[in-house]
Protein backbone atom coordinates (compact mmCIF):
# COMPACT_ATOMS: atom_id res chain seq x y z
CA MET A 1 -0.06 -0.24 -0.27
CA ALA A 2 1.24 3.34 -0.53
CA THR A 3 1.43 5.86 2.40
CA GLN A 4 1.13 9.78 2.63
CA CYS A 5 2.97 11.59 5.33
CA GLY A 6 3.38 8.43 7.18
CA ARG A 7 0.04 6.87 6.99
CA LYS A 8 -1.51 3.86 5.16
CA ALA A 9 -3.70 4.44 2.65
CA ALA A 10 -7.12 3.22 2.97
CA PRO A 11 -8.21 0.12 1.44
CA LYS A 12 -10.64 0.36 -1.73
CA LYS A 13 -13.99 -0.92 -0.48
CA ALA A 14 -15.75 -3.64 -1.71
CA ALA A 15 -18.79 -3.82 -3.37
CA ALA A 16 -21.88 -3.47 -1.24
CA LYS A 17 -23.17 -6.54 -0.05
CA PRO A 18 -27.13 -7.37 0.15
CA ALA A 19 -28.36 -6.19 3.71
CA ALA A 20 -29.09 -8.85 6.32
CA LYS A 21 -32.79 -9.79 7.40
CA THR A 22 -31.76 -9.00 10.62
CA ALA A 23 -30.94 -5.91 12.04
CA ALA A 24 -27.00 -5.97 12.97
CA LYS A 25 -26.60 -4.94 17.01
CA PRO A 26 -24.32 -1.52 17.45
CA VAL A 27 -20.85 -2.15 18.92
CA LYS A 28 -19.97 -0.57 21.77
CA LYS A 29 -16.31 0.83 21.93
CA THR A 30 -14.15 1.01 25.19
CA VAL A 31 -11.47 3.61 25.50
CA LYS A 32 -9.20 2.86 27.77
CA LYS A 33 -7.64 5.74 29.77
CA ALA A 34 -3.73 6.27 30.18
CA ALA A 35 -2.82 5.37 33.66
CA ALA A 36 -1.99 7.70 36.13
CA PRO A 37 1.37 8.19 37.50
CA ALA A 38 1.48 5.77 40.56
CA LYS A 39 1.13 7.56 44.01
CA PRO A 40 1.97 6.09 47.25
CA ARG A 41 -1.01 4.68 48.43
CA ILE A 42 -2.59 5.61 52.15
CA SER A 43 -5.18 3.63 52.94
CA PRO A 44 -7.54 5.29 56.08
CA GLY A 45 -6.61 4.67 59.17
CA ALA A 46 -2.66 3.32 58.04
CA LYS A 47 -0.07 4.73 59.61
CA VAL A 48 1.89 6.96 57.21
CA GLY A 49 5.67 4.83 57.09
CA PRO A 50 8.75 6.22 56.65
CA VAL A 51 10.63 6.47 53.33
CA GLY A 52 14.17 7.03 54.71
CA ILE A 53 15.92 7.60 58.03
CA THR A 54 18.85 9.65 57.39
CA ILE A 55 21.83 9.85 60.20
CA HIS A 56 23.62 13.03 59.08
CA TRP A 57 26.26 13.00 61.26
CA ALA A 58 27.54 11.31 64.94
CA GLU A 59 30.07 12.84 66.97
CA GLY A 60 33.12 10.60 68.29
CA ASP A 61 35.63 8.22 65.92
CA ASN A 62 33.61 8.65 62.72
CA SER A 63 36.24 6.38 61.29
CA LYS A 64 34.34 3.69 63.05
CA TYR A 65 30.71 4.54 61.79
CA ASP A 66 29.03 3.73 58.63
CA ARG A 67 30.11 6.67 56.50
CA PHE A 68 27.39 9.63 57.77
CA PRO A 69 25.57 11.05 56.07
CA LYS A 70 23.66 7.77 55.00
CA THR A 71 19.97 7.18 54.47
CA TYR A 72 18.44 3.95 55.47
CA LYS A 73 15.15 2.21 54.54
CA THR A 74 14.16 0.68 57.92
CA TYR A 75 14.12 1.68 61.36
CA ALA A 76 16.23 -1.53 62.51
CA ALA A 77 19.03 -0.57 59.71
CA ALA A 78 19.52 3.11 61.19
CA GLN A 79 19.30 1.39 64.68
CA LYS A 80 21.96 -0.88 63.89
CA ALA A 81 24.18 1.95 62.33
CA LEU A 82 24.23 3.75 65.61
CA ILE A 83 25.68 0.45 67.57
CA PRO A 84 29.45 2.00 66.74
CA VAL A 85 28.44 5.45 67.90
CA PHE A 86 27.29 3.93 71.64
CA LYS A 87 30.17 1.65 71.29
CA ASP A 88 32.49 4.10 70.65
CA ASN A 89 31.21 6.41 73.90
CA GLN A 90 31.57 3.28 75.86
CA ALA A 91 35.09 3.23 74.91
CA ASP A 92 35.82 6.69 76.20
CA GLY A 93 34.54 5.62 79.58
CA GLY A 94 31.31 5.86 78.86
CA GLY A 95 31.15 9.56 80.03
CA GLY A 96 28.74 12.27 78.45
CA TYR A 97 27.42 11.60 75.07
CA ASN A 98 27.98 10.97 71.63
CA LYS A 99 25.58 13.98 69.69
CA THR A 100 23.72 12.14 66.69
CA LYS A 101 21.55 14.18 63.84
CA PHE A 102 18.87 12.62 61.89
CA SER A 103 15.70 13.15 60.11
CA ILE A 104 12.98 10.73 58.78
CA LYS A 105 10.98 11.86 55.72
CA PHE A 106 7.59 10.12 55.73
CA LYS A 107 5.26 9.33 52.73
CA ASP A 108 3.11 12.22 53.14
CA GLY A 109 6.09 14.68 52.77
CA THR A 110 6.36 15.08 56.45
CA ASP A 111 9.97 15.50 57.57
CA TYR A 112 11.16 14.83 61.29
CA GLU A 113 14.70 16.20 62.47
CA GLY A 114 15.73 15.21 65.94
CA ARG A 115 19.16 14.77 67.65
CA LEU A 116 20.10 11.43 70.00
CA ASP A 117 22.24 11.98 72.92
CA ILE A 118 24.23 8.34 72.32
CA ASN A 119 25.05 7.15 75.65
CA GLU A 120 24.31 3.92 78.52
CA ARG A 121 21.68 6.20 79.76
CA GLU A 122 19.65 8.04 77.28
CA ASP A 123 19.72 7.05 73.82
CA ASN A 124 21.07 3.44 73.67
CA PRO A 125 20.70 1.58 70.61
CA VAL A 126 21.34 -1.80 72.62
CA LYS A 127 19.38 -1.02 75.51
CA TYR A 128 16.12 -0.04 73.65
CA LYS A 129 14.30 -2.07 70.92
CA ASN A 130 12.79 1.00 68.85
CA LEU A 131 14.95 4.03 69.66
CA PHE A 132 13.77 6.40 67.21
CA GLU A 133 10.03 5.57 68.43
CA LYS A 134 11.10 6.24 72.01
CA HIS A 135 13.18 9.06 70.82
CA ILE A 136 9.95 10.88 69.24
CA LEU A 137 7.48 9.53 72.01
CA ASP A 138 9.51 11.39 74.54
CA HIS A 139 9.66 14.53 72.39
CA VAL A 140 6.12 15.06 71.38
CA ASN A 141 5.13 14.15 75.03
CA TYR A 142 7.18 16.26 76.54
CA TYR A 143 5.84 19.21 74.36
CA ILE A 144 2.19 18.19 75.14
CA LYS A 145 2.76 18.42 78.84
CA ASN A 146 5.42 21.67 78.75
CA PRO A 147 3.84 23.68 75.90
CA TYR A 148 6.22 26.47 75.09
CA PRO A 149 5.73 30.24 74.89
CA GLY A 150 3.08 30.94 72.64
CA MET A 151 2.17 27.34 71.45
CA THR A 152 -1.28 27.19 69.53
CA GLU A 153 -4.06 24.58 70.26
CA ALA A 154 -3.43 23.48 66.83
CA ALA A 155 0.35 22.67 67.54
CA LYS A 156 -0.75 21.00 70.57
CA LYS A 157 -3.15 18.67 68.83
CA GLU A 158 -0.47 18.18 66.07
CA TYR A 159 1.77 16.81 68.79
CA ALA A 160 -0.77 14.75 70.20
CA SER A 161 -1.48 13.18 66.88
CA PHE A 162 1.76 12.20 65.74
CA ALA A 163 2.08 8.90 67.33
CA THR A 164 -0.92 8.06 66.21
CA LYS A 165 -0.17 9.17 62.26
CA TYR A 166 2.93 8.17 61.40
CA LYS A 167 4.76 4.94 61.70
CA LEU A 168 7.63 4.75 64.28
CA ARG A 169 8.65 1.25 64.40
CA ASP A 170 9.21 -1.53 61.50
């Protein structure tokens, strides 16, 4: 077949056939819509999970650590990366603490930033099974009980709903 401008020429029509005795049923055409880009699905009542947990830096002997900054997919992996920070603190006699900055990015775009004080008593990744959950709940509960000057009722509600809205453990 010859083509014009990249299109195939229409085939020639054959001679018309005599009409059938029964009427033909109309044919329904279905049009498929293009698929929308996938969005992270959060079902009603489900907690919003993290996209990644980033450890930005830690005090102490960084040569023993996991080359921070580094992002982890699970809380367990991020907590495991903090064990050398804890051991480094203990090697120095356990005095003081190793400050460690982290952030959590959630699927709905919310960011949580915090600082852990890695030592035997406070933020101990060996002692506490879910260190990030413990830290966030301690932080949220502190501000619910001790509102900062000028804290609005909306901010109080946001603090109070954080633990019920976001997934804080694997």
